Amino acid sequence: MIGIAIGSISAFVIIQVLVSIFFKWGSSSKVRWLWCFVVANILAFISTWFLMIAYKHLNANITYGVSMGVSFILTQIAFSLIFKSKLSYMQWVLLFIITAGMSLFTFFGF
């Protein structure tokens, strides 16, 4: 059951990073706005399905914390790489703190 939850959370996170990239990419051009909006929302719908599967197999608080935390961290890194929006030293420190907090939240949640 944990394997299903981890797989579902992983799928959710990957798709959510893509959703954020499509929203950002679409917001930078009137030509891409509509189709990026549609694609991102279809992907968001699919990712929600994976999140619901994870909820079924794992504690809801842990599922939500890990899913949203990892999605946030990876989206920040993806934005900095793809859209060349550099993260400051303090932002990297804060991403590390979020990672540490999320890890503690998860490991002490069982």
N, C-alpha and C. Protein backbone atom coordinates (compact mmCIF):
# COMPACT_ATOMS: atom_id res chain seq x y z
N MET A 1 0.81 -1.20 0.00
CA MET A 1 0.00 0.00 0.00
C MET A 1 0.85 1.26 0.00
N ILE A 2 1.96 1.23 0.73
CA ILE A 2 2.84 2.40 0.76
C ILE A 2 3.42 2.64 -0.64
N GLY A 3 3.72 1.55 -1.36
CA GLY A 3 4.26 1.68 -2.72
C GLY A 3 3.28 2.39 -3.65
N ILE A 4 2.01 2.05 -3.52
CA ILE A 4 0.98 2.72 -4.33
C ILE A 4 0.92 4.20 -3.98
N ALA A 5 0.98 4.50 -2.69
CA ALA A 5 0.93 5.90 -2.25
C ALA A 5 2.13 6.68 -2.77
N ILE A 6 3.32 6.08 -2.67
CA ILE A 6 4.52 6.77 -3.14
C ILE A 6 4.46 6.98 -4.65
N GLY A 7 4.01 5.98 -5.38
CA GLY A 7 3.87 6.12 -6.83
C GLY A 7 2.86 7.19 -7.20
N SER A 8 1.74 7.22 -6.48
CA SER A 8 0.70 8.22 -6.76
C SER A 8 1.18 9.62 -6.42
N ILE A 9 1.88 9.76 -5.29
CA ILE A 9 2.42 11.07 -4.92
C ILE A 9 3.45 11.51 -5.94
N SER A 10 4.29 10.60 -6.38
CA SER A 10 5.31 10.94 -7.40
C SER A 10 4.66 11.41 -8.69
N ALA A 11 3.63 10.69 -9.14
CA ALA A 11 2.91 11.10 -10.35
C ALA A 11 2.27 12.47 -10.16
N PHE A 12 1.65 12.68 -8.99
CA PHE A 12 1.03 13.97 -8.69
C PHE A 12 2.05 15.09 -8.77
N VAL A 13 3.20 14.88 -8.13
CA VAL A 13 4.22 15.93 -8.08
C VAL A 13 4.73 16.25 -9.48
N ILE A 14 5.07 15.24 -10.25
CA ILE A 14 5.59 15.47 -11.61
C ILE A 14 4.57 16.23 -12.45
N ILE A 15 3.32 15.80 -12.37
CA ILE A 15 2.28 16.47 -13.17
C ILE A 15 2.06 17.89 -12.68
N GLN A 16 2.10 18.12 -11.38
CA GLN A 16 1.91 19.48 -10.86
C GLN A 16 3.02 20.42 -11.29
N VAL A 17 4.23 19.92 -11.36
CA VAL A 17 5.33 20.76 -11.86
C VAL A 17 5.05 21.13 -13.31
N LEU A 18 4.59 20.17 -14.10
CA LEU A 18 4.24 20.45 -15.50
C LEU A 18 3.10 21.45 -15.59
N VAL A 19 2.11 21.30 -14.73
CA VAL A 19 0.98 22.24 -14.70
C VAL A 19 1.48 23.66 -14.47
N SER A 20 2.34 23.82 -13.49
CA SER A 20 2.87 25.16 -13.19
C SER A 20 3.68 25.72 -14.35
N ILE A 21 4.45 24.86 -15.00
CA ILE A 21 5.23 25.31 -16.16
C ILE A 21 4.31 25.75 -17.28
N PHE A 22 3.25 24.99 -17.55
CA PHE A 22 2.31 25.39 -18.61
C PHE A 22 1.61 26.69 -18.27
N PHE A 23 1.20 26.86 -17.01
CA PHE A 23 0.56 28.13 -16.62
C PHE A 23 1.53 29.30 -16.81
N LYS A 24 2.76 29.14 -16.37
CA LYS A 24 3.75 30.22 -16.51
C LYS A 24 4.05 30.48 -17.98
N TRP A 25 4.26 29.43 -18.74
CA TRP A 25 4.57 29.58 -20.16
C TRP A 25 3.42 30.25 -20.90
N GLY A 26 2.19 29.83 -20.61
CA GLY A 26 1.02 30.42 -21.26
C GLY A 26 0.80 31.87 -20.88
N SER A 27 1.19 32.24 -19.68
CA SER A 27 0.97 33.62 -19.23
C SER A 27 1.90 34.61 -19.92
N SER A 28 2.93 34.11 -20.59
CA SER A 28 3.89 35.02 -21.22
C SER A 28 3.56 35.34 -22.68
N SER A 29 2.45 34.82 -23.20
CA SER A 29 2.10 35.07 -24.59
C SER A 29 0.60 34.95 -24.80
N LYS A 30 0.03 35.91 -25.50
CA LYS A 30 -1.40 35.84 -25.80
C LYS A 30 -1.72 34.67 -26.73
N VAL A 31 -0.77 34.32 -27.58
CA VAL A 31 -0.97 33.21 -28.52
C VAL A 31 -1.06 31.87 -27.77
N ARG A 32 -0.23 31.71 -26.74
CA ARG A 32 -0.20 30.44 -26.00
C ARG A 32 -1.16 30.41 -24.82
N TRP A 33 -1.74 31.52 -24.47
CA TRP A 33 -2.51 31.62 -23.24
C TRP A 33 -3.62 30.56 -23.17
N LEU A 34 -4.48 30.50 -24.16
CA LEU A 34 -5.65 29.62 -24.09
C LEU A 34 -5.26 28.15 -24.10
N TRP A 35 -4.42 27.74 -25.02
CA TRP A 35 -4.11 26.31 -25.09
C TRP A 35 -3.28 25.87 -23.89
N CYS A 36 -2.41 26.71 -23.36
CA CYS A 36 -1.66 26.35 -22.15
C CYS A 36 -2.61 26.26 -20.95
N PHE A 37 -3.59 27.15 -20.91
CA PHE A 37 -4.59 27.12 -19.85
C PHE A 37 -5.37 25.81 -19.89
N VAL A 38 -5.79 25.41 -21.06
CA VAL A 38 -6.57 24.17 -21.21
C VAL A 38 -5.72 22.95 -20.86
N VAL A 39 -4.52 22.88 -21.41
CA VAL A 39 -3.64 21.74 -21.14
C VAL A 39 -3.32 21.65 -19.65
N ALA A 40 -2.99 22.77 -19.03
CA ALA A 40 -2.65 22.78 -17.61
C ALA A 40 -3.82 22.30 -16.76
N ASN A 41 -5.03 22.71 -17.11
CA ASN A 41 -6.19 22.28 -16.33
C ASN A 41 -6.52 20.82 -16.53
N ILE A 42 -6.31 20.30 -17.72
CA ILE A 42 -6.51 18.87 -17.95
C ILE A 42 -5.49 18.08 -17.13
N LEU A 43 -4.24 18.52 -17.15
CA LEU A 43 -3.20 17.85 -16.35
C LEU A 43 -3.51 17.96 -14.85
N ALA A 44 -4.01 19.10 -14.41
CA ALA A 44 -4.36 19.28 -13.00
C ALA A 44 -5.48 18.32 -12.59
N PHE A 45 -6.42 18.11 -13.49
CA PHE A 45 -7.50 17.16 -13.23
C PHE A 45 -6.93 15.75 -13.04
N ILE A 46 -6.01 15.37 -13.90
CA ILE A 46 -5.38 14.04 -13.81
C ILE A 46 -4.56 13.92 -12.53
N SER A 47 -3.82 14.96 -12.18
CA SER A 47 -3.00 14.90 -10.97
C SER A 47 -3.86 14.77 -9.72
N THR A 48 -5.02 15.36 -9.73
CA THR A 48 -5.93 15.25 -8.60
C THR A 48 -6.37 13.80 -8.40
N TRP A 49 -6.54 13.08 -9.49
CA TRP A 49 -6.88 11.67 -9.42
C TRP A 49 -5.78 10.89 -8.69
N PHE A 50 -4.51 11.18 -9.02
CA PHE A 50 -3.40 10.52 -8.34
C PHE A 50 -3.37 10.88 -6.85
N LEU A 51 -3.67 12.13 -6.53
CA LEU A 51 -3.68 12.55 -5.14
C LEU A 51 -4.77 11.80 -4.36
N MET A 52 -5.90 11.60 -4.98
CA MET A 52 -6.98 10.86 -4.32
C MET A 52 -6.60 9.40 -4.08
N ILE A 53 -5.85 8.82 -5.01
CA ILE A 53 -5.36 7.45 -4.80
C ILE A 53 -4.41 7.42 -3.61
N ALA A 54 -3.53 8.38 -3.53
CA ALA A 54 -2.59 8.44 -2.40
C ALA A 54 -3.33 8.62 -1.09
N TYR A 55 -4.38 9.45 -1.08
CA TYR A 55 -5.16 9.65 0.14
C TYR A 55 -5.75 8.32 0.63
N LYS A 56 -6.11 7.46 -0.30
CA LYS A 56 -6.72 6.18 0.05
C LYS A 56 -5.73 5.24 0.75
N HIS A 57 -4.43 5.41 0.47
CA HIS A 57 -3.43 4.47 0.95
C HIS A 57 -2.50 5.02 2.03
N LEU A 58 -2.64 6.29 2.37
CA LEU A 58 -1.71 6.89 3.32
C LEU A 58 -2.44 7.97 4.12
N ASN A 59 -1.94 8.28 5.28
CA ASN A 59 -2.50 9.33 6.12
C ASN A 59 -2.67 10.60 5.30
N ALA A 60 -3.83 11.21 5.38
CA ALA A 60 -4.15 12.38 4.57
C ALA A 60 -3.24 13.56 4.85
N ASN A 61 -2.88 13.79 6.11
CA ASN A 61 -2.00 14.91 6.45
C ASN A 61 -0.62 14.73 5.84
N ILE A 62 -0.09 13.53 5.94
CA ILE A 62 1.23 13.26 5.37
C ILE A 62 1.17 13.35 3.85
N THR A 63 0.13 12.78 3.27
CA THR A 63 -0.02 12.84 1.81
C THR A 63 -0.05 14.27 1.32
N TYR A 64 -0.86 15.10 1.96
CA TYR A 64 -0.98 16.49 1.54
C TYR A 64 0.33 17.25 1.77
N GLY A 65 0.93 17.06 2.92
CA GLY A 65 2.18 17.77 3.24
C GLY A 65 3.29 17.44 2.27
N VAL A 66 3.48 16.16 2.00
CA VAL A 66 4.54 15.74 1.08
C VAL A 66 4.22 16.19 -0.34
N SER A 67 3.00 15.97 -0.77
CA SER A 67 2.62 16.32 -2.15
C SER A 67 2.80 17.80 -2.43
N MET A 68 2.29 18.63 -1.55
CA MET A 68 2.38 20.07 -1.78
C MET A 68 3.80 20.59 -1.56
N GLY A 69 4.47 20.06 -0.54
CA GLY A 69 5.83 20.51 -0.26
C GLY A 69 6.80 20.18 -1.39
N VAL A 70 6.78 18.94 -1.83
CA VAL A 70 7.69 18.54 -2.92
C VAL A 70 7.31 19.26 -4.21
N SER A 71 6.01 19.41 -4.47
CA SER A 71 5.59 20.15 -5.67
C SER A 71 6.12 21.58 -5.64
N PHE A 72 6.00 22.23 -4.50
CA PHE A 72 6.48 23.61 -4.37
C PHE A 72 7.99 23.68 -4.61
N ILE A 73 8.74 22.82 -3.96
CA ILE A 73 10.20 22.85 -4.07
C ILE A 73 10.64 22.58 -5.51
N LEU A 74 10.09 21.54 -6.12
CA LEU A 74 10.50 21.21 -7.49
C LEU A 74 10.03 22.25 -8.51
N THR A 75 8.89 22.88 -8.26
CA THR A 75 8.44 23.94 -9.16
C THR A 75 9.36 25.15 -9.08
N GLN A 76 9.80 25.50 -7.87
CA GLN A 76 10.74 26.61 -7.73
C GLN A 76 12.04 26.33 -8.48
N ILE A 77 12.54 25.11 -8.37
CA ILE A 77 13.77 24.74 -9.06
C ILE A 77 13.55 24.72 -10.58
N ALA A 78 12.42 24.16 -11.01
CA ALA A 78 12.12 24.12 -12.45
C ALA A 78 12.01 25.53 -13.02
N PHE A 79 11.32 26.43 -12.31
CA PHE A 79 11.21 27.82 -12.79
C PHE A 79 12.58 28.47 -12.91
N SER A 80 13.43 28.23 -11.93
CA SER A 80 14.75 28.85 -11.99
C SER A 80 15.56 28.31 -13.16
N LEU A 81 15.39 27.04 -13.50
CA LEU A 81 16.14 26.45 -14.61
C LEU A 81 15.53 26.80 -15.98
N ILE A 82 14.22 26.67 -16.09
CA ILE A 82 13.56 26.85 -17.39
C ILE A 82 13.39 28.31 -17.75
N PHE A 83 12.94 29.10 -16.79
CA PHE A 83 12.63 30.50 -17.07
C PHE A 83 13.73 31.45 -16.61
N LYS A 84 14.85 30.91 -16.21
CA LYS A 84 16.04 31.68 -15.83
C LYS A 84 15.74 32.70 -14.73
N SER A 85 14.85 32.32 -13.83
CA SER A 85 14.58 33.19 -12.67
C SER A 85 15.42 32.67 -11.52
N LYS A 86 16.55 33.30 -11.33
CA LYS A 86 17.53 32.82 -10.35
C LYS A 86 16.99 32.94 -8.93
N LEU A 87 17.28 31.91 -8.16
CA LEU A 87 16.93 31.93 -6.75
C LEU A 87 18.10 32.54 -5.97
N SER A 88 17.78 33.39 -5.02
CA SER A 88 18.82 33.99 -4.19
C SER A 88 19.34 32.95 -3.19
N TYR A 89 20.43 33.28 -2.56
CA TYR A 89 21.01 32.41 -1.54
C TYR A 89 19.97 32.12 -0.45
N MET A 90 19.27 33.14 0.00
CA MET A 90 18.27 32.97 1.06
C MET A 90 17.11 32.09 0.59
N GLN A 91 16.72 32.20 -0.65
CA GLN A 91 15.65 31.34 -1.16
C GLN A 91 16.08 29.87 -1.16
N TRP A 92 17.35 29.61 -1.51
CA TRP A 92 17.86 28.24 -1.45
C TRP A 92 17.85 27.74 -0.01
N VAL A 93 18.25 28.60 0.92
CA VAL A 93 18.24 28.22 2.34
C VAL A 93 16.82 27.89 2.78
N LEU A 94 15.87 28.72 2.38
CA LEU A 94 14.48 28.48 2.76
C LEU A 94 13.92 27.21 2.13
N LEU A 95 14.30 26.91 0.89
CA LEU A 95 13.87 25.64 0.27
C LEU A 95 14.43 24.46 1.06
N PHE A 96 15.66 24.59 1.54
CA PHE A 96 16.25 23.54 2.36
C PHE A 96 15.49 23.40 3.68
N ILE A 97 15.14 24.51 4.29
CA ILE A 97 14.39 24.48 5.55
C ILE A 97 13.02 23.85 5.35
N ILE A 98 12.37 24.18 4.25
CA ILE A 98 11.08 23.57 3.93
C ILE A 98 11.25 22.06 3.76
N THR A 99 12.31 21.65 3.08
CA THR A 99 12.57 20.23 2.89
C THR A 99 12.79 19.53 4.23
N ALA A 100 13.57 20.15 5.09
CA ALA A 100 13.83 19.57 6.42
C ALA A 100 12.53 19.47 7.23
N GLY A 101 11.75 20.53 7.22
CA GLY A 101 10.49 20.53 7.95
C GLY A 101 9.52 19.49 7.42
N MET A 102 9.44 19.39 6.11
CA MET A 102 8.55 18.41 5.49
C MET A 102 9.00 16.99 5.84
N SER A 103 10.30 16.77 5.87
CA SER A 103 10.84 15.46 6.22
C SER A 103 10.50 15.10 7.66
N LEU A 104 10.68 16.04 8.57
CA LEU A 104 10.34 15.81 9.97
C LEU A 104 8.85 15.55 10.13
N PHE A 105 8.05 16.33 9.45
CA PHE A 105 6.60 16.17 9.49
C PHE A 105 6.21 14.77 9.04
N THR A 106 6.86 14.29 7.99
CA THR A 106 6.55 12.98 7.43
C THR A 106 7.03 11.84 8.32
N PHE A 107 8.27 11.89 8.73
CA PHE A 107 8.84 10.78 9.48
C PHE A 107 8.26 10.66 10.89
N PHE A 108 7.86 11.76 11.47
CA PHE A 108 7.26 11.68 12.80
C PHE A 108 5.75 11.55 12.73
N GLY A 109 5.21 11.49 11.51
CA GLY A 109 3.76 11.34 11.35
C GLY A 109 3.28 9.91 11.42
N PHE A 110 4.20 8.96 11.34
CA PHE A 110 3.80 7.54 11.36
C PHE A 110 3.62 7.05 12.76
